[in-house]
Amino acid sequence: MSSLWTPYGEEPVGNPTGGPEPEPGFGPLSDGTTEPPGPPGPPGELDEEQMREMLSRLAATPVEAIVTQFAVELQEICVLHLGLAGERPESLLQAALALDAMASLSEGLGDRLAPNTDALRQAVSQLRLAYVEITSGNPTVTGEQPVIGPDNSP
């Protein structure tokens, strides 16, 4: 089941294929069921009131908090792919894409992401250093080199 992050927690959203999608990691609950916690009714479906409540909370969330969360998710994706680079060299290009997207957000929006501006900039710098360290020790890197600097230089 897909979900949407909000400051109030994960909110389930419908399955694009229409069928129910099991949640991994849920075993029998104390009441003997195996259903994950969530609203009553078919999995992935919210009634009109629940949808309004979710949208109301989302609308009340500062957009800079949502954009910052996206940047953090890109950071996590970059770290994941940097960790896989030893086994799968193609992961470096995926890491670079996530890093470039995160850098575009943090550098392009700058102080508009306050109070998280400095933390995001530091994270981008650390990821760039890690990327350079990994690529300099990996002779199997092939393909187009990504843009990793603010001035479009590697």
N, C-alpha and C. Protein backbone atom coordinates (compact mmCIF):
# COMPACT_ATOMS: atom_id res chain seq x y z
N MET A 1 0.85 -1.16 0.00
CA MET A 1 0.00 0.00 0.00
C MET A 1 0.90 1.23 0.00
N SER A 2 0.60 2.21 -0.78
CA SER A 2 1.36 3.44 -0.82
C SER A 2 0.92 4.34 0.31
N SER A 3 1.79 5.30 0.64
CA SER A 3 1.43 6.24 1.68
C SER A 3 1.99 7.60 1.32
N LEU A 4 1.47 8.61 1.97
CA LEU A 4 1.89 9.98 1.79
C LEU A 4 2.40 10.48 3.12
N TRP A 5 3.63 11.02 3.15
CA TRP A 5 4.18 11.52 4.40
C TRP A 5 3.56 12.86 4.72
N THR A 6 3.18 13.04 5.97
CA THR A 6 2.76 14.34 6.49
C THR A 6 3.43 14.48 7.84
N PRO A 7 3.50 15.68 8.39
CA PRO A 7 4.10 15.83 9.72
C PRO A 7 3.34 15.05 10.79
N TYR A 8 2.14 14.62 10.48
CA TYR A 8 1.33 13.87 11.44
C TYR A 8 1.50 12.36 11.27
N GLY A 9 2.36 11.94 10.36
CA GLY A 9 2.59 10.52 10.13
C GLY A 9 2.27 10.13 8.71
N GLU A 10 2.43 8.86 8.43
CA GLU A 10 2.13 8.32 7.11
C GLU A 10 0.63 8.21 6.93
N GLU A 11 0.15 8.67 5.80
CA GLU A 11 -1.27 8.58 5.46
C GLU A 11 -1.40 7.61 4.30
N PRO A 12 -2.21 6.56 4.41
CA PRO A 12 -2.34 5.62 3.30
C PRO A 12 -3.05 6.26 2.12
N VAL A 13 -2.62 5.88 0.92
CA VAL A 13 -3.29 6.32 -0.30
C VAL A 13 -3.63 5.09 -1.11
N GLY A 14 -4.54 5.22 -2.05
CA GLY A 14 -5.03 4.09 -2.83
C GLY A 14 -3.95 3.42 -3.65
N ASN A 15 -4.15 2.16 -3.91
CA ASN A 15 -3.27 1.36 -4.74
C ASN A 15 -3.58 1.68 -6.20
N PRO A 16 -2.58 2.13 -7.01
CA PRO A 16 -2.86 2.50 -8.39
C PRO A 16 -3.35 1.35 -9.26
N THR A 17 -3.07 0.10 -8.87
CA THR A 17 -3.52 -1.02 -9.68
C THR A 17 -4.93 -1.45 -9.31
N GLY A 18 -5.46 -0.89 -8.23
CA GLY A 18 -6.83 -1.20 -7.83
C GLY A 18 -6.96 -2.36 -6.88
N GLY A 19 -6.03 -3.28 -6.87
CA GLY A 19 -6.12 -4.44 -5.99
C GLY A 19 -5.46 -4.17 -4.65
N PRO A 20 -5.82 -4.95 -3.64
CA PRO A 20 -5.19 -4.73 -2.35
C PRO A 20 -3.73 -5.18 -2.40
N GLU A 21 -2.91 -4.47 -1.65
CA GLU A 21 -1.49 -4.75 -1.61
C GLU A 21 -1.12 -5.04 -0.17
N PRO A 22 -0.60 -6.22 0.15
CA PRO A 22 -0.31 -6.54 1.53
C PRO A 22 0.86 -5.72 2.06
N GLU A 23 0.80 -5.38 3.33
CA GLU A 23 1.87 -4.67 4.00
C GLU A 23 2.85 -5.69 4.56
N PRO A 24 4.12 -5.61 4.20
CA PRO A 24 5.07 -6.56 4.76
C PRO A 24 5.32 -6.26 6.24
N GLY A 25 5.61 -7.30 6.99
CA GLY A 25 5.99 -7.12 8.38
C GLY A 25 4.85 -7.16 9.37
N PHE A 26 3.63 -7.32 8.94
CA PHE A 26 2.51 -7.39 9.87
C PHE A 26 2.18 -8.84 10.14
N GLY A 27 2.22 -9.21 11.38
CA GLY A 27 1.84 -10.56 11.78
C GLY A 27 0.50 -10.49 12.47
N PRO A 28 0.12 -11.55 13.12
CA PRO A 28 -1.15 -11.54 13.85
C PRO A 28 -1.13 -10.46 14.93
N LEU A 29 -2.21 -9.72 15.01
CA LEU A 29 -2.35 -8.69 16.04
C LEU A 29 -2.95 -9.30 17.29
N SER A 30 -2.99 -8.50 18.35
CA SER A 30 -3.49 -9.01 19.62
C SER A 30 -4.94 -9.49 19.53
N ASP A 31 -5.70 -8.94 18.58
CA ASP A 31 -7.09 -9.39 18.44
C ASP A 31 -7.22 -10.59 17.50
N GLY A 32 -6.08 -11.13 17.04
CA GLY A 32 -6.10 -12.32 16.19
C GLY A 32 -6.16 -12.02 14.70
N THR A 33 -6.33 -10.77 14.31
CA THR A 33 -6.39 -10.44 12.89
C THR A 33 -4.99 -10.18 12.37
N THR A 34 -4.85 -10.14 11.08
CA THR A 34 -3.57 -9.81 10.47
C THR A 34 -3.65 -8.51 9.70
N GLU A 35 -4.72 -7.76 9.89
CA GLU A 35 -4.89 -6.50 9.19
C GLU A 35 -3.97 -5.44 9.80
N PRO A 36 -3.29 -4.64 8.98
CA PRO A 36 -2.48 -3.55 9.53
C PRO A 36 -3.40 -2.48 10.12
N PRO A 37 -2.89 -1.69 11.05
CA PRO A 37 -3.72 -0.63 11.60
C PRO A 37 -4.07 0.37 10.52
N GLY A 38 -5.22 0.93 10.60
CA GLY A 38 -5.64 1.91 9.61
C GLY A 38 -7.13 2.11 9.68
N PRO A 39 -7.64 2.91 8.78
CA PRO A 39 -9.07 3.18 8.81
C PRO A 39 -9.87 1.93 8.45
N PRO A 40 -11.09 1.82 8.97
CA PRO A 40 -11.91 0.67 8.61
C PRO A 40 -12.29 0.73 7.13
N GLY A 41 -12.64 -0.41 6.59
CA GLY A 41 -13.04 -0.46 5.19
C GLY A 41 -11.98 -1.14 4.37
N PRO A 42 -12.22 -1.21 3.07
CA PRO A 42 -11.25 -1.86 2.19
C PRO A 42 -9.89 -1.16 2.27
N PRO A 43 -8.80 -1.92 2.21
CA PRO A 43 -7.47 -1.32 2.27
C PRO A 43 -7.28 -0.30 1.15
N GLY A 44 -6.66 0.81 1.50
CA GLY A 44 -6.34 1.81 0.49
C GLY A 44 -7.46 2.78 0.19
N GLU A 45 -8.64 2.59 0.77
CA GLU A 45 -9.75 3.49 0.49
C GLU A 45 -10.05 4.32 1.73
N LEU A 46 -10.20 5.61 1.52
CA LEU A 46 -10.56 6.51 2.59
C LEU A 46 -11.96 7.05 2.31
N ASP A 47 -12.74 7.18 3.36
CA ASP A 47 -14.04 7.79 3.12
C ASP A 47 -13.86 9.30 2.95
N GLU A 48 -14.91 9.96 2.56
CA GLU A 48 -14.84 11.37 2.23
C GLU A 48 -14.36 12.22 3.41
N GLU A 49 -14.83 11.91 4.60
CA GLU A 49 -14.44 12.68 5.79
C GLU A 49 -12.95 12.50 6.10
N GLN A 50 -12.46 11.27 5.99
CA GLN A 50 -11.05 11.01 6.24
C GLN A 50 -10.18 11.71 5.19
N MET A 51 -10.63 11.72 3.95
CA MET A 51 -9.88 12.39 2.89
C MET A 51 -9.82 13.89 3.16
N ARG A 52 -10.96 14.48 3.56
CA ARG A 52 -10.97 15.91 3.88
C ARG A 52 -10.04 16.23 5.03
N GLU A 53 -10.04 15.39 6.06
CA GLU A 53 -9.17 15.59 7.22
C GLU A 53 -7.70 15.52 6.80
N MET A 54 -7.36 14.53 5.99
CA MET A 54 -5.99 14.38 5.53
C MET A 54 -5.56 15.59 4.70
N LEU A 55 -6.41 16.03 3.78
CA LEU A 55 -6.09 17.18 2.95
C LEU A 55 -6.00 18.46 3.76
N SER A 56 -6.85 18.56 4.78
CA SER A 56 -6.81 19.73 5.66
C SER A 56 -5.48 19.79 6.41
N ARG A 57 -5.04 18.64 6.94
CA ARG A 57 -3.75 18.60 7.64
C ARG A 57 -2.60 18.88 6.67
N LEU A 58 -2.69 18.36 5.47
CA LEU A 58 -1.65 18.60 4.47
C LEU A 58 -1.60 20.09 4.10
N ALA A 59 -2.75 20.71 3.93
CA ALA A 59 -2.81 22.14 3.60
C ALA A 59 -2.26 23.00 4.73
N ALA A 60 -2.39 22.53 5.97
CA ALA A 60 -1.90 23.27 7.13
C ALA A 60 -0.39 23.09 7.32
N THR A 61 0.20 22.14 6.62
CA THR A 61 1.63 21.86 6.75
C THR A 61 2.40 22.88 5.92
N PRO A 62 3.39 23.53 6.52
CA PRO A 62 4.20 24.47 5.73
C PRO A 62 4.89 23.74 4.57
N VAL A 63 4.84 24.35 3.41
CA VAL A 63 5.40 23.72 2.22
C VAL A 63 6.90 23.50 2.38
N GLU A 64 7.59 24.41 3.09
CA GLU A 64 9.03 24.21 3.28
C GLU A 64 9.32 22.92 4.05
N ALA A 65 8.41 22.50 4.93
CA ALA A 65 8.59 21.23 5.65
C ALA A 65 8.42 20.05 4.69
N ILE A 66 7.50 20.15 3.77
CA ILE A 66 7.28 19.08 2.80
C ILE A 66 8.46 18.98 1.84
N VAL A 67 8.93 20.12 1.35
CA VAL A 67 10.07 20.13 0.43
C VAL A 67 11.32 19.60 1.14
N THR A 68 11.50 19.98 2.40
CA THR A 68 12.64 19.48 3.17
C THR A 68 12.55 17.97 3.31
N GLN A 69 11.35 17.44 3.53
CA GLN A 69 11.19 15.99 3.62
C GLN A 69 11.56 15.32 2.31
N PHE A 70 11.19 15.91 1.18
CA PHE A 70 11.59 15.37 -0.12
C PHE A 70 13.11 15.34 -0.24
N ALA A 71 13.77 16.42 0.19
CA ALA A 71 15.22 16.49 0.12
C ALA A 71 15.86 15.40 0.98
N VAL A 72 15.31 15.16 2.15
CA VAL A 72 15.82 14.11 3.04
C VAL A 72 15.63 12.73 2.39
N GLU A 73 14.50 12.52 1.75
CA GLU A 73 14.27 11.25 1.06
C GLU A 73 15.28 11.07 -0.09
N LEU A 74 15.59 12.15 -0.80
CA LEU A 74 16.60 12.07 -1.86
C LEU A 74 17.97 11.75 -1.26
N GLN A 75 18.26 12.31 -0.09
CA GLN A 75 19.51 12.00 0.60
C GLN A 75 19.59 10.51 0.92
N GLU A 76 18.51 9.96 1.44
CA GLU A 76 18.48 8.53 1.77
C GLU A 76 18.66 7.66 0.53
N ILE A 77 18.06 8.05 -0.57
CA ILE A 77 18.21 7.31 -1.83
C ILE A 77 19.67 7.37 -2.29
N CYS A 78 20.27 8.54 -2.19
CA CYS A 78 21.67 8.71 -2.59
C CYS A 78 22.57 7.82 -1.74
N VAL A 79 22.38 7.84 -0.43
CA VAL A 79 23.19 7.01 0.46
C VAL A 79 23.02 5.53 0.12
N LEU A 80 21.80 5.12 -0.14
CA LEU A 80 21.54 3.72 -0.51
C LEU A 80 22.34 3.33 -1.75
N HIS A 81 22.25 4.16 -2.79
CA HIS A 81 22.94 3.82 -4.04
C HIS A 81 24.45 3.95 -3.92
N LEU A 82 24.94 4.87 -3.10
CA LEU A 82 26.39 4.94 -2.87
C LEU A 82 26.87 3.66 -2.19
N GLY A 83 26.06 3.12 -1.29
CA GLY A 83 26.40 1.88 -0.61
C GLY A 83 26.39 0.68 -1.53
N LEU A 84 25.60 0.72 -2.58
CA LEU A 84 25.51 -0.40 -3.53
C LEU A 84 26.56 -0.31 -4.64
N ALA A 85 27.27 0.80 -4.72
CA ALA A 85 28.16 1.05 -5.85
C ALA A 85 29.25 0.00 -5.99
N GLY A 86 29.70 -0.59 -4.89
CA GLY A 86 30.74 -1.62 -4.97
C GLY A 86 30.26 -2.86 -5.70
N GLU A 87 28.99 -3.19 -5.52
CA GLU A 87 28.42 -4.37 -6.14
C GLU A 87 27.82 -4.07 -7.52
N ARG A 88 27.27 -2.87 -7.64
CA ARG A 88 26.55 -2.50 -8.86
C ARG A 88 27.02 -1.12 -9.31
N PRO A 89 28.01 -1.04 -10.19
CA PRO A 89 28.53 0.26 -10.62
C PRO A 89 27.46 1.20 -11.17
N GLU A 90 26.40 0.64 -11.74
CA GLU A 90 25.33 1.50 -12.28
C GLU A 90 24.62 2.29 -11.18
N SER A 91 24.78 1.87 -9.94
CA SER A 91 24.18 2.60 -8.82
C SER A 91 24.79 3.98 -8.64
N LEU A 92 26.02 4.17 -9.12
CA LEU A 92 26.64 5.49 -9.01
C LEU A 92 25.86 6.55 -9.77
N LEU A 93 25.37 6.18 -10.95
CA LEU A 93 24.58 7.15 -11.71
C LEU A 93 23.26 7.45 -11.02
N GLN A 94 22.69 6.45 -10.36
CA GLN A 94 21.46 6.67 -9.60
C GLN A 94 21.72 7.56 -8.39
N ALA A 95 22.85 7.32 -7.72
CA ALA A 95 23.23 8.16 -6.58
C ALA A 95 23.45 9.60 -7.03
N ALA A 96 24.09 9.76 -8.17
CA ALA A 96 24.36 11.11 -8.69
C ALA A 96 23.06 11.84 -9.01
N LEU A 97 22.10 11.14 -9.57
CA LEU A 97 20.82 11.77 -9.89
C LEU A 97 20.12 12.24 -8.61
N ALA A 98 20.10 11.39 -7.59
CA ALA A 98 19.49 11.78 -6.32
C ALA A 98 20.23 12.95 -5.69
N LEU A 99 21.56 12.92 -5.75
CA LEU A 99 22.37 14.01 -5.20
C LEU A 99 22.13 15.31 -5.95
N ASP A 100 22.11 15.24 -7.27
CA ASP A 100 21.85 16.45 -8.07
C ASP A 100 20.46 17.03 -7.78
N ALA A 101 19.48 16.16 -7.62
CA ALA A 101 18.12 16.64 -7.32
C ALA A 101 18.08 17.29 -5.94
N MET A 102 18.74 16.67 -4.96
CA MET A 102 18.77 17.25 -3.62
C MET A 102 19.50 18.59 -3.63
N ALA A 103 20.62 18.65 -4.35
CA ALA A 103 21.38 19.90 -4.44
C ALA A 103 20.56 20.99 -5.13
N SER A 104 19.81 20.61 -6.16
CA SER A 104 18.96 21.59 -6.85
C SER A 104 17.93 22.18 -5.90
N LEU A 105 17.34 21.34 -5.08
CA LEU A 105 16.37 21.84 -4.11
C LEU A 105 17.03 22.75 -3.07
N SER A 106 18.08 22.26 -2.44
CA SER A 106 18.67 23.01 -1.33
C SER A 106 19.37 24.28 -1.81
N GLU A 107 20.08 24.21 -2.93
CA GLU A 107 20.78 25.40 -3.42
C GLU A 107 19.84 26.34 -4.18
N GLY A 108 18.90 25.77 -4.89
CA GLY A 108 17.97 26.60 -5.66
C GLY A 108 17.00 27.37 -4.78
N LEU A 109 16.55 26.74 -3.70
CA LEU A 109 15.59 27.40 -2.82
C LEU A 109 16.26 28.11 -1.65
N GLY A 110 17.47 27.70 -1.34
CA GLY A 110 18.28 28.40 -0.34
C GLY A 110 17.56 28.66 0.97
N ASP A 111 17.55 29.92 1.38
CA ASP A 111 17.00 30.32 2.67
C ASP A 111 15.49 30.15 2.77
N ARG A 112 14.84 29.87 1.66
CA ARG A 112 13.39 29.64 1.72
C ARG A 112 13.06 28.33 2.43
N LEU A 113 14.07 27.47 2.64
CA LEU A 113 13.86 26.21 3.35
C LEU A 113 14.23 26.32 4.84
N ALA A 114 14.40 27.55 5.32
CA ALA A 114 14.73 27.75 6.74
C ALA A 114 13.65 27.11 7.60
N PRO A 115 14.01 26.55 8.69
CA PRO A 115 15.29 26.57 9.40
C PRO A 115 16.22 25.43 9.02
N ASN A 116 15.95 24.74 7.94
CA ASN A 116 16.72 23.56 7.56
C ASN A 116 17.79 23.83 6.50
N THR A 117 17.97 25.08 6.13
CA THR A 117 18.88 25.44 5.05
C THR A 117 20.29 24.93 5.29
N ASP A 118 20.85 25.25 6.45
CA ASP A 118 22.24 24.87 6.73
C ASP A 118 22.42 23.35 6.79
N ALA A 119 21.48 22.66 7.41
CA ALA A 119 21.58 21.20 7.51
C ALA A 119 21.52 20.56 6.13
N LEU A 120 20.66 21.06 5.25
CA LEU A 120 20.58 20.51 3.90
C LEU A 120 21.85 20.79 3.12
N ARG A 121 22.41 21.98 3.26
CA ARG A 121 23.66 22.31 2.55
C ARG A 121 24.81 21.43 3.04
N GLN A 122 24.86 21.20 4.35
CA GLN A 122 25.91 20.33 4.89
C GLN A 122 25.74 18.90 4.38
N ALA A 123 24.51 18.43 4.31
CA ALA A 123 24.27 17.08 3.82
C ALA A 123 24.69 16.95 2.37
N VAL A 124 24.40 17.96 1.55
CA VAL A 124 24.81 17.94 0.14
C VAL A 124 26.33 17.90 0.05
N SER A 125 27.01 18.71 0.86
CA SER A 125 28.47 18.73 0.84
C SER A 125 29.04 17.37 1.23
N GLN A 126 28.49 16.76 2.26
CA GLN A 126 28.97 15.45 2.70
C GLN A 126 28.73 14.38 1.63
N LEU A 127 27.57 14.44 0.99
CA LEU A 127 27.28 13.47 -0.07
C LEU A 127 28.20 13.66 -1.26
N ARG A 128 28.52 14.91 -1.59
CA ARG A 128 29.44 15.17 -2.70
C ARG A 128 30.82 14.60 -2.39
N LEU A 129 31.28 14.80 -1.15
CA LEU A 129 32.58 14.24 -0.76
C LEU A 129 32.55 12.72 -0.84
N ALA A 130 31.49 12.11 -0.36
CA ALA A 130 31.37 10.65 -0.41
C ALA A 130 31.34 10.17 -1.85
N TYR A 131 30.62 10.88 -2.70
CA TYR A 131 30.55 10.50 -4.11
C TYR A 131 31.93 10.54 -4.76
N VAL A 132 32.65 11.63 -4.53
CA VAL A 132 33.99 11.77 -5.11
C VAL A 132 34.91 10.68 -4.58
N GLU A 133 34.82 10.40 -3.28
CA GLU A 133 35.66 9.36 -2.69
C GLU A 133 35.37 7.99 -3.32
N ILE A 134 34.11 7.70 -3.49
CA ILE A 134 33.73 6.40 -4.06
C ILE A 134 34.11 6.31 -5.53
N THR A 135 33.87 7.37 -6.29
CA THR A 135 34.18 7.31 -7.73
C THR A 135 35.68 7.32 -7.99
N SER A 136 36.45 7.96 -7.14
CA SER A 136 37.90 7.97 -7.37
C SER A 136 38.51 6.60 -7.11
N GLY A 137 37.85 5.78 -6.31
CA GLY A 137 38.35 4.44 -6.04
C GLY A 137 37.67 3.37 -6.86
N ASN A 138 36.85 3.77 -7.84
CA ASN A 138 36.09 2.80 -8.62
C ASN A 138 36.42 2.94 -10.10
N PRO A 139 37.34 2.11 -10.62
CA PRO A 139 37.73 2.23 -12.03
C PRO A 139 36.66 1.74 -13.00
N THR A 140 35.57 1.15 -12.52
CA THR A 140 34.55 0.62 -13.42
C THR A 140 33.45 1.63 -13.74
N VAL A 141 33.63 2.86 -13.26
CA VAL A 141 32.61 3.88 -13.54
C VAL A 141 32.60 4.18 -15.03
N THR A 142 31.43 4.05 -15.62
CA THR A 142 31.29 4.33 -17.04
C THR A 142 30.08 5.22 -17.25
N GLY A 143 29.97 5.72 -18.44
CA GLY A 143 28.80 6.55 -18.76
C GLY A 143 29.10 8.02 -18.50
N GLU A 144 28.09 8.81 -18.68
CA GLU A 144 28.19 10.25 -18.52
C GLU A 144 28.42 10.59 -17.06
N GLN A 145 29.39 11.44 -16.81
CA GLN A 145 29.64 11.87 -15.43
C GLN A 145 28.58 12.90 -15.04
N PRO A 146 28.04 12.77 -13.85
CA PRO A 146 26.98 13.66 -13.41
C PRO A 146 27.48 15.03 -13.03
N VAL A 147 26.58 15.96 -12.95
CA VAL A 147 26.86 17.29 -12.46
C VAL A 147 26.81 17.20 -10.95
N ILE A 148 27.94 17.52 -10.29
CA ILE A 148 27.92 17.42 -8.83
C ILE A 148 28.30 18.73 -8.16
N GLY A 149 28.54 19.76 -8.92
CA GLY A 149 28.90 21.04 -8.32
C GLY A 149 27.89 22.11 -8.68
N PRO A 150 27.82 23.16 -7.87
CA PRO A 150 26.86 24.23 -8.14
C PRO A 150 27.14 24.96 -9.45
N ASP A 151 28.41 24.91 -9.91
CA ASP A 151 28.76 25.57 -11.15
C ASP A 151 28.78 24.59 -12.33
N ASN A 152 28.10 23.45 -12.18
CA ASN A 152 28.00 22.41 -13.20
C ASN A 152 29.34 21.77 -13.56
N SER A 153 30.29 21.79 -12.62
CA SER A 153 31.55 21.09 -12.84
C SER A 153 31.63 19.91 -11.89
N PRO A 154 32.24 18.81 -12.32
CA PRO A 154 32.33 17.63 -11.44
C PRO A 154 33.22 17.87 -10.26
